[in-house]
Amino acid sequence: MYNLINQYSLIFATAFLLIVFSLIGLRFFSSKYILVFVLASLIVMVLFQSIQKNSNENMSTVQSFENIRSSGSPYLLYMYSDY
């Protein structure tokens, strides 16, 4: 569960702020404008999350890591341990 929250923490935080700003905005603007704002914000959040998400999360072999390492492009090595 923690990994799910950590992976989508940007979405959760932005959704919380979106709800707060929408409730405040309902006092000053028409609900039609707030609905457009919410929908546009949701679309931007989903697009940003899909752009930022890494599609190659697991490397199953040493050869796949060596291919990435020798490609000449920058890479990030993330090591995880429960201890």
C-alpha atoms as a PDB file:
ATOM      1  CA  MET A   1       0.000   0.000   0.000  1.00  0.00           C
ATOM      2  CA  TYR A   2       2.890   2.344   0.800  1.00  0.00           C
ATOM      3  CA  ASN A   3       4.345   1.888  -2.698  1.00  0.00           C
ATOM      4  CA  LEU A   4       0.998   2.794  -4.252  1.00  0.00           C
ATOM      5  CA  ILE A   5       0.761   5.960  -2.161  1.00  0.00           C
ATOM      6  CA  ASN A   6       4.382   6.854  -2.867  1.00  0.00           C
ATOM      7  CA  GLN A   7       4.014   6.239  -6.621  1.00  0.00           C
ATOM      8  CA  TYR A   8       0.935   8.432  -6.919  1.00  0.00           C
ATOM      9  CA  SER A   9       1.706  10.980  -4.185  1.00  0.00           C
ATOM     10  CA  LEU A  10       1.809  13.835  -6.710  1.00  0.00           C
ATOM     11  CA  ILE A  11      -1.704  12.937  -7.874  1.00  0.00           C
ATOM     12  CA  PHE A  12      -3.004  12.652  -4.293  1.00  0.00           C
ATOM     13  CA  ALA A  13      -1.510  15.977  -3.206  1.00  0.00           C
ATOM     14  CA  THR A  14      -2.725  17.784  -6.306  1.00  0.00           C
ATOM     15  CA  ALA A  15      -6.202  16.272  -5.998  1.00  0.00           C
ATOM     16  CA  PHE A  16      -6.383  17.464  -2.393  1.00  0.00           C
ATOM     17  CA  LEU A  17      -5.362  20.987  -3.393  1.00  0.00           C
ATOM     18  CA  LEU A  18      -7.821  20.880  -6.284  1.00  0.00           C
ATOM     19  CA  ILE A  19     -10.671  20.017  -3.912  1.00  0.00           C
ATOM     20  CA  VAL A  20      -9.708  22.789  -1.503  1.00  0.00           C
ATOM     21  CA  PHE A  21      -9.407  25.417  -4.245  1.00  0.00           C
ATOM     22  CA  SER A  22     -12.661  24.258  -5.817  1.00  0.00           C
ATOM     23  CA  LEU A  23     -14.563  24.610  -2.560  1.00  0.00           C
ATOM     24  CA  ILE A  24     -13.115  28.070  -2.025  1.00  0.00           C
ATOM     25  CA  GLY A  25     -13.773  29.006  -5.660  1.00  0.00           C
ATOM     26  CA  LEU A  26     -17.444  28.028  -5.375  1.00  0.00           C
ATOM     27  CA  ARG A  27     -17.936  30.995  -3.070  1.00  0.00           C
ATOM     28  CA  PHE A  28     -16.632  33.484  -5.639  1.00  0.00           C
ATOM     29  CA  PHE A  29     -17.328  31.983  -9.090  1.00  0.00           C
ATOM     30  CA  SER A  30     -20.096  30.168 -10.882  1.00  0.00           C
ATOM     31  CA  SER A  31     -20.167  26.378 -10.617  1.00  0.00           C
ATOM     32  CA  LYS A  32     -19.807  26.206 -14.418  1.00  0.00           C
ATOM     33  CA  TYR A  33     -16.370  27.841 -14.226  1.00  0.00           C
ATOM     34  CA  ILE A  34     -15.325  25.621 -11.335  1.00  0.00           C
ATOM     35  CA  LEU A  35     -16.346  22.513 -13.286  1.00  0.00           C
ATOM     36  CA  VAL A  36     -14.225  23.590 -16.255  1.00  0.00           C
ATOM     37  CA  PHE A  37     -11.314  24.326 -13.906  1.00  0.00           C
ATOM     38  CA  VAL A  38     -11.610  20.913 -12.230  1.00  0.00           C
ATOM     39  CA  LEU A  39     -11.812  19.005 -15.516  1.00  0.00           C
ATOM     40  CA  ALA A  40      -8.880  20.882 -17.028  1.00  0.00           C
ATOM     41  CA  SER A  41      -6.829  20.326 -13.872  1.00  0.00           C
ATOM     42  CA  LEU A  42      -7.608  16.600 -13.855  1.00  0.00           C
ATOM     43  CA  ILE A  43      -6.537  16.267 -17.479  1.00  0.00           C
ATOM     44  CA  VAL A  44      -3.285  18.112 -16.772  1.00  0.00           C
ATOM     45  CA  MET A  45      -2.617  15.958 -13.680  1.00  0.00           C
ATOM     46  CA  VAL A  46      -3.115  12.702 -15.571  1.00  0.00           C
ATOM     47  CA  LEU A  47      -0.984  13.858 -18.503  1.00  0.00           C
ATOM     48  CA  PHE A  48       1.808  15.018 -16.189  1.00  0.00           C
ATOM     49  CA  GLN A  49       1.739  11.716 -14.290  1.00  0.00           C
ATOM     50  CA  SER A  50       1.882   9.694 -17.493  1.00  0.00           C
ATOM     51  CA  ILE A  51       4.787  11.769 -18.813  1.00  0.00           C
ATOM     52  CA  GLN A  52       6.768  11.523 -15.565  1.00  0.00           C
ATOM     53  CA  LYS A  53       6.172   7.810 -14.989  1.00  0.00           C
ATOM     54  CA  ASN A  54       9.053   5.545 -15.921  1.00  0.00           C
ATOM     55  CA  SER A  55       7.931   2.780 -18.250  1.00  0.00           C
ATOM     56  CA  ASN A  56      10.950   0.547 -17.595  1.00  0.00           C
ATOM     57  CA  GLU A  57      10.664  -0.126 -13.874  1.00  0.00           C
ATOM     58  CA  ASN A  58      12.240  -3.565 -13.693  1.00  0.00           C
ATOM     59  CA  MET A  59      15.407  -4.950 -15.203  1.00  0.00           C
ATOM     60  CA  SER A  60      15.269  -8.696 -15.180  1.00  0.00           C
ATOM     61  CA  THR A  61      18.776  -9.468 -16.427  1.00  0.00           C
ATOM     62  CA  VAL A  62      22.271  -8.132 -16.037  1.00  0.00           C
ATOM     63  CA  GLN A  63      22.499  -7.842 -19.816  1.00  0.00           C
ATOM     64  CA  SER A  64      19.579  -5.376 -19.942  1.00  0.00           C
ATOM     65  CA  PHE A  65      21.344  -3.185 -17.341  1.00  0.00           C
ATOM     66  CA  GLU A  66      24.616  -3.388 -19.268  1.00  0.00           C
ATOM     67  CA  ASN A  67      22.824  -2.320 -22.459  1.00  0.00           C
ATOM     68  CA  ILE A  68      21.424   0.762 -20.747  1.00  0.00           C
ATOM     69  CA  ARG A  69      24.723   1.557 -19.031  1.00  0.00           C
ATOM     70  CA  SER A  70      26.708   1.367 -22.267  1.00  0.00           C
ATOM     71  CA  SER A  71      24.160   3.323 -24.328  1.00  0.00           C
ATOM     72  CA  GLY A  72      25.760   6.664 -23.442  1.00  0.00           C
ATOM     73  CA  SER A  73      22.540   8.257 -22.197  1.00  0.00           C
ATOM     74  CA  PRO A  74      22.050   9.252 -18.546  1.00  0.00           C
ATOM     75  CA  TYR A  75      20.444   6.717 -16.245  1.00  0.00           C
ATOM     76  CA  LEU A  76      19.353   6.542 -12.627  1.00  0.00           C
ATOM     77  CA  LEU A  77      20.222   3.559 -10.481  1.00  0.00           C
ATOM     78  CA  TYR A  78      17.745   3.088  -7.638  1.00  0.00           C
ATOM     79  CA  MET A  79      18.419   0.327  -5.132  1.00  0.00           C
ATOM     80  CA  TYR A  80      15.809  -0.745  -2.602  1.00  0.00           C
ATOM     81  CA  SER A  81      16.216  -2.799   0.540  1.00  0.00           C
ATOM     82  CA  ASP A  82      13.848  -3.649   3.385  1.00  0.00           C
ATOM     83  CA  TYR A  83      16.707  -3.604   5.894  1.00  0.00           C
END
